[in-house]
Amino acid sequence: LLQQSHRSPRSLRQRFDKHLVRRYAQFTKDPVAIRKLKRIQAAHSTQQQEEH
C-alpha cells in the first residue's frame, strides 16, 4: 500500500480533485469553482503533453 501510494499520489489526487470540482461546479454557479476547474483541466492537459 505504501509503495502504491508512493508511485503516483499526485496524478491520483489530481484526478480526484478534477472529478470533485467538476461535480461541485455542476451544482453551483460559483465562479471560483469554475475557475479552479478550468485551471485544473489546463494543468492536466499540459502535464499529459509533457509526458507524451
PDB file of N, CA and C in Angstrom:
ATOM      1  N   LEU A   1       0.839  -1.206   0.000  1.00  0.00           N
ATOM      2  CA  LEU A   1       0.000   0.000   0.000  1.00  0.00           C
ATOM      3  C   LEU A   1       0.877   1.260   0.000  1.00  0.00           C
ATOM      4  N   LEU A   2       1.958   1.237   0.762  1.00  0.00           N
ATOM      5  CA  LEU A   2       2.843   2.400   0.816  1.00  0.00           C
ATOM      6  C   LEU A   2       3.500   2.627  -0.548  1.00  0.00           C
ATOM      7  N   GLN A   3       3.963   1.534  -1.178  1.00  0.00           N
ATOM      8  CA  GLN A   3       4.586   1.680  -2.498  1.00  0.00           C
ATOM      9  C   GLN A   3       3.572   2.170  -3.529  1.00  0.00           C
ATOM     10  N   GLN A   4       2.354   1.658  -3.441  1.00  0.00           N
ATOM     11  CA  GLN A   4       1.344   2.062  -4.418  1.00  0.00           C
ATOM     12  C   GLN A   4       1.048   3.556  -4.303  1.00  0.00           C
ATOM     13  N   SER A   5       0.910   4.045  -3.073  1.00  0.00           N
ATOM     14  CA  SER A   5       0.618   5.463  -2.883  1.00  0.00           C
ATOM     15  C   SER A   5       1.849   6.310  -3.243  1.00  0.00           C
ATOM     16  N   HIS A   6       3.032   5.739  -3.106  1.00  0.00           N
ATOM     17  CA  HIS A   6       4.244   6.486  -3.435  1.00  0.00           C
ATOM     18  C   HIS A   6       4.457   6.548  -4.946  1.00  0.00           C
ATOM     19  N   ARG A   7       3.859   5.603  -5.675  1.00  0.00           N
ATOM     20  CA  ARG A   7       4.110   5.522  -7.119  1.00  0.00           C
ATOM     21  C   ARG A   7       3.562   6.761  -7.843  1.00  0.00           C
ATOM     22  N   SER A   8       2.298   7.076  -7.614  1.00  0.00           N
ATOM     23  CA  SER A   8       1.730   8.250  -8.299  1.00  0.00           C
ATOM     24  C   SER A   8       0.620   8.861  -7.458  1.00  0.00           C
ATOM     25  N   PRO A   9       0.969   9.462  -6.332  1.00  0.00           N
ATOM     26  CA  PRO A   9      -0.068  10.082  -5.500  1.00  0.00           C
ATOM     27  C   PRO A   9      -0.565  11.401  -6.094  1.00  0.00           C
ATOM     28  N   ARG A  10       0.298  12.058  -6.879  1.00  0.00           N
ATOM     29  CA  ARG A  10      -0.071  13.370  -7.402  1.00  0.00           C
ATOM     30  C   ARG A  10      -1.107  13.242  -8.519  1.00  0.00           C
ATOM     31  N   SER A  11      -0.885  12.294  -9.426  1.00  0.00           N
ATOM     32  CA  SER A  11      -1.849  12.125 -10.516  1.00  0.00           C
ATOM     33  C   SER A  11      -3.179  11.621  -9.968  1.00  0.00           C
ATOM     34  N   LEU A  12      -3.120  10.763  -8.964  1.00  0.00           N
ATOM     35  CA  LEU A  12      -4.352  10.251  -8.362  1.00  0.00           C
ATOM     36  C   LEU A  12      -5.115  11.385  -7.688  1.00  0.00           C
ATOM     37  N   ARG A  13      -4.392  12.240  -6.948  1.00  0.00           N
ATOM     38  CA  ARG A  13      -5.043  13.356  -6.285  1.00  0.00           C
ATOM     39  C   ARG A  13      -5.575  14.358  -7.315  1.00  0.00           C
ATOM     40  N   GLN A  14      -4.832  14.532  -8.403  1.00  0.00           N
ATOM     41  CA  GLN A  14      -5.273  15.460  -9.443  1.00  0.00           C
ATOM     42  C   GLN A  14      -6.574  14.967 -10.073  1.00  0.00           C
ATOM     43  N   ARG A  15      -6.616  13.655 -10.361  1.00  0.00           N
ATOM     44  CA  ARG A  15      -7.816  13.102 -10.974  1.00  0.00           C
ATOM     45  C   ARG A  15      -9.004  13.237 -10.017  1.00  0.00           C
ATOM     46  N   PHE A  16      -8.761  13.003  -8.741  1.00  0.00           N
ATOM     47  CA  PHE A  16      -9.821  13.126  -7.735  1.00  0.00           C
ATOM     48  C   PHE A  16     -10.272  14.576  -7.609  1.00  0.00           C
ATOM     49  N   ASP A  17      -9.312  15.501  -7.575  1.00  0.00           N
ATOM     50  CA  ASP A  17      -9.662  16.921  -7.447  1.00  0.00           C
ATOM     51  C   ASP A  17     -10.490  17.366  -8.654  1.00  0.00           C
ATOM     52  N   LYS A  18     -10.075  16.941  -9.840  1.00  0.00           N
ATOM     53  CA  LYS A  18     -10.789  17.345 -11.046  1.00  0.00           C
ATOM     54  C   LYS A  18     -12.219  16.823 -11.007  1.00  0.00           C
ATOM     55  N   HIS A  19     -12.371  15.572 -10.593  1.00  0.00           N
ATOM     56  CA  HIS A  19     -13.704  14.977 -10.513  1.00  0.00           C
ATOM     57  C   HIS A  19     -14.550  15.712  -9.479  1.00  0.00           C
ATOM     58  N   LEU A  20     -13.942  16.023  -8.340  1.00  0.00           N
ATOM     59  CA  LEU A  20     -14.662  16.679  -7.253  1.00  0.00           C
ATOM     60  C   LEU A  20     -15.093  18.090  -7.670  1.00  0.00           C
ATOM     61  N   VAL A  21     -14.181  18.841  -8.260  1.00  0.00           N
ATOM     62  CA  VAL A  21     -14.503  20.218  -8.649  1.00  0.00           C
ATOM     63  C   VAL A  21     -15.538  20.226  -9.763  1.00  0.00           C
ATOM     64  N   ARG A  22     -15.451  19.269 -10.678  1.00  0.00           N
ATOM     65  CA  ARG A  22     -16.427  19.214 -11.770  1.00  0.00           C
ATOM     66  C   ARG A  22     -17.829  18.969 -11.202  1.00  0.00           C
ATOM     67  N   ARG A  23     -17.928  18.017 -10.263  1.00  0.00           N
ATOM     68  CA  ARG A  23     -19.230  17.744  -9.655  1.00  0.00           C
ATOM     69  C   ARG A  23     -19.717  18.964  -8.873  1.00  0.00           C
ATOM     70  N   TYR A  24     -18.791  19.622  -8.193  1.00  0.00           N
ATOM     71  CA  TYR A  24     -19.164  20.804  -7.411  1.00  0.00           C
ATOM     72  C   TYR A  24     -19.632  21.921  -8.334  1.00  0.00           C
ATOM     73  N   ALA A  25     -18.976  22.079  -9.463  1.00  0.00           N
ATOM     74  CA  ALA A  25     -19.342  23.146 -10.390  1.00  0.00           C
ATOM     75  C   ALA A  25     -20.696  22.870 -11.030  1.00  0.00           C
ATOM     76  N   GLN A  26     -21.083  21.603 -11.128  1.00  0.00           N
ATOM     77  CA  GLN A  26     -22.394  21.285 -11.706  1.00  0.00           C
ATOM     78  C   GLN A  26     -23.516  21.776 -10.795  1.00  0.00           C
ATOM     79  N   PHE A  27     -23.291  21.718  -9.482  1.00  0.00           N
ATOM     80  CA  PHE A  27     -24.354  22.048  -8.533  1.00  0.00           C
ATOM     81  C   PHE A  27     -24.348  23.520  -8.123  1.00  0.00           C
ATOM     82  N   THR A  28     -23.369  24.270  -8.592  1.00  0.00           N
ATOM     83  CA  THR A  28     -23.314  25.673  -8.190  1.00  0.00           C
ATOM     84  C   THR A  28     -22.781  26.502  -9.353  1.00  0.00           C
ATOM     85  N   LYS A  29     -23.107  27.756  -9.352  1.00  0.00           N
ATOM     86  CA  LYS A  29     -22.591  28.678 -10.363  1.00  0.00           C
ATOM     87  C   LYS A  29     -21.451  29.508  -9.779  1.00  0.00           C
ATOM     88  N   ASP A  30     -20.759  28.931  -8.791  1.00  0.00           N
ATOM     89  CA  ASP A  30     -19.674  29.651  -8.132  1.00  0.00           C
ATOM     90  C   ASP A  30     -18.538  29.896  -9.129  1.00  0.00           C
ATOM     91  N   PRO A  31     -18.217  31.150  -9.452  1.00  0.00           N
ATOM     92  CA  PRO A  31     -17.158  31.420 -10.425  1.00  0.00           C
ATOM     93  C   PRO A  31     -15.794  30.941  -9.956  1.00  0.00           C
ATOM     94  N   VAL A  32     -15.596  30.894  -8.636  1.00  0.00           N
ATOM     95  CA  VAL A  32     -14.313  30.426  -8.115  1.00  0.00           C
ATOM     96  C   VAL A  32     -14.135  28.947  -8.430  1.00  0.00           C
ATOM     97  N   ALA A  33     -15.194  28.172  -8.253  1.00  0.00           N
ATOM     98  CA  ALA A  33     -15.115  26.738  -8.541  1.00  0.00           C
ATOM     99  C   ALA A  33     -14.899  26.499 -10.026  1.00  0.00           C
ATOM    100  N   ILE A  34     -15.582  27.280 -10.849  1.00  0.00           N
ATOM    101  CA  ILE A  34     -15.434  27.112 -12.301  1.00  0.00           C
ATOM    102  C   ILE A  34     -14.013  27.483 -12.726  1.00  0.00           C
ATOM    103  N   ARG A  35     -13.494  28.561 -12.123  1.00  0.00           N
ATOM    104  CA  ARG A  35     -12.127  28.983 -12.460  1.00  0.00           C
ATOM    105  C   ARG A  35     -11.131  27.905 -12.033  1.00  0.00           C
ATOM    106  N   LYS A  36     -11.353  27.325 -10.848  1.00  0.00           N
ATOM    107  CA  LYS A  36     -10.459  26.278 -10.362  1.00  0.00           C
ATOM    108  C   LYS A  36     -10.526  25.055 -11.269  1.00  0.00           C
ATOM    109  N   LEU A  37     -11.736  24.732 -11.721  1.00  0.00           N
ATOM    110  CA  LEU A  37     -11.903  23.590 -12.620  1.00  0.00           C
ATOM    111  C   LEU A  37     -11.132  23.814 -13.919  1.00  0.00           C
ATOM    112  N   LYS A  38     -11.240  25.013 -14.461  1.00  0.00           N
ATOM    113  CA  LYS A  38     -10.533  25.308 -15.707  1.00  0.00           C
ATOM    114  C   LYS A  38      -9.022  25.229 -15.498  1.00  0.00           C
ATOM    115  N   ARG A  39      -8.559  25.722 -14.328  1.00  0.00           N
ATOM    116  CA  ARG A  39      -7.120  25.697 -14.058  1.00  0.00           C
ATOM    117  C   ARG A  39      -6.627  24.262 -13.934  1.00  0.00           C
ATOM    118  N   ILE A  40      -7.423  23.411 -13.263  1.00  0.00           N
ATOM    119  CA  ILE A  40      -7.032  22.009 -13.111  1.00  0.00           C
ATOM    120  C   ILE A  40      -7.018  21.323 -14.467  1.00  0.00           C
ATOM    121  N   GLN A  41      -8.010  21.605 -15.301  1.00  0.00           N
ATOM    122  CA  GLN A  41      -8.054  20.986 -16.625  1.00  0.00           C
ATOM    123  C   GLN A  41      -6.857  21.432 -17.460  1.00  0.00           C
ATOM    124  N   ALA A  42      -6.513  22.714 -17.375  1.00  0.00           N
ATOM    125  CA  ALA A  42      -5.379  23.220 -18.137  1.00  0.00           C
ATOM    126  C   ALA A  42      -4.078  22.567 -17.667  1.00  0.00           C
ATOM    127  N   ALA A  43      -3.912  22.463 -16.347  1.00  0.00           N
ATOM    128  CA  ALA A  43      -2.700  21.849 -15.816  1.00  0.00           C
ATOM    129  C   ALA A  43      -2.629  20.377 -16.205  1.00  0.00           C
ATOM    130  N   HIS A  44      -3.773  19.713 -16.231  1.00  0.00           N
ATOM    131  CA  HIS A  44      -3.792  18.294 -16.580  1.00  0.00           C
ATOM    132  C   HIS A  44      -3.409  18.102 -18.043  1.00  0.00           C
ATOM    133  N   SER A  45      -3.929  18.952 -18.934  1.00  0.00           N
ATOM    134  CA  SER A  45      -3.639  18.805 -20.359  1.00  0.00           C
ATOM    135  C   SER A  45      -2.159  19.101 -20.622  1.00  0.00           C
ATOM    136  N   THR A  46      -1.584  20.103 -19.960  1.00  0.00           N
ATOM    137  CA  THR A  46      -0.173  20.421 -20.178  1.00  0.00           C
ATOM    138  C   THR A  46       0.706  19.302 -19.621  1.00  0.00           C
ATOM    139  N   GLN A  47       0.283  18.691 -18.522  1.00  0.00           N
ATOM    140  CA  GLN A  47       1.066  17.601 -17.951  1.00  0.00           C
ATOM    141  C   GLN A  47       1.079  16.406 -18.900  1.00  0.00           C
ATOM    142  N   GLN A  48      -0.054  16.107 -19.529  1.00  0.00           N
ATOM    143  CA  GLN A  48      -0.105  14.990 -20.468  1.00  0.00           C
ATOM    144  C   GLN A  48       0.782  15.276 -21.673  1.00  0.00           C
ATOM    145  N   GLN A  49       0.811  16.541 -22.128  1.00  0.00           N
ATOM    146  CA  GLN A  49       1.652  16.889 -23.258  1.00  0.00           C
ATOM    147  C   GLN A  49       3.125  16.687 -22.900  1.00  0.00           C
ATOM    148  N   GLU A  50       3.513  17.014 -21.681  1.00  0.00           N
ATOM    149  CA  GLU A  50       4.900  16.827 -21.276  1.00  0.00           C
ATOM    150  C   GLU A  50       5.260  15.350 -21.221  1.00  0.00           C
ATOM    151  N   GLU A  51       4.315  14.520 -20.749  1.00  0.00           N
ATOM    152  CA  GLU A  51       4.585  13.084 -20.664  1.00  0.00           C
ATOM    153  C   GLU A  51       4.757  12.493 -22.059  1.00  0.00           C
ATOM    154  N   HIS A  52       3.888  12.880 -23.002  1.00  0.00           N
ATOM    155  CA  HIS A  52       3.961  12.336 -24.365  1.00  0.00           C
ATOM    156  C   HIS A  52       4.803  13.258 -25.235  1.00  0.00           C
TER     157      HIS A  52
END
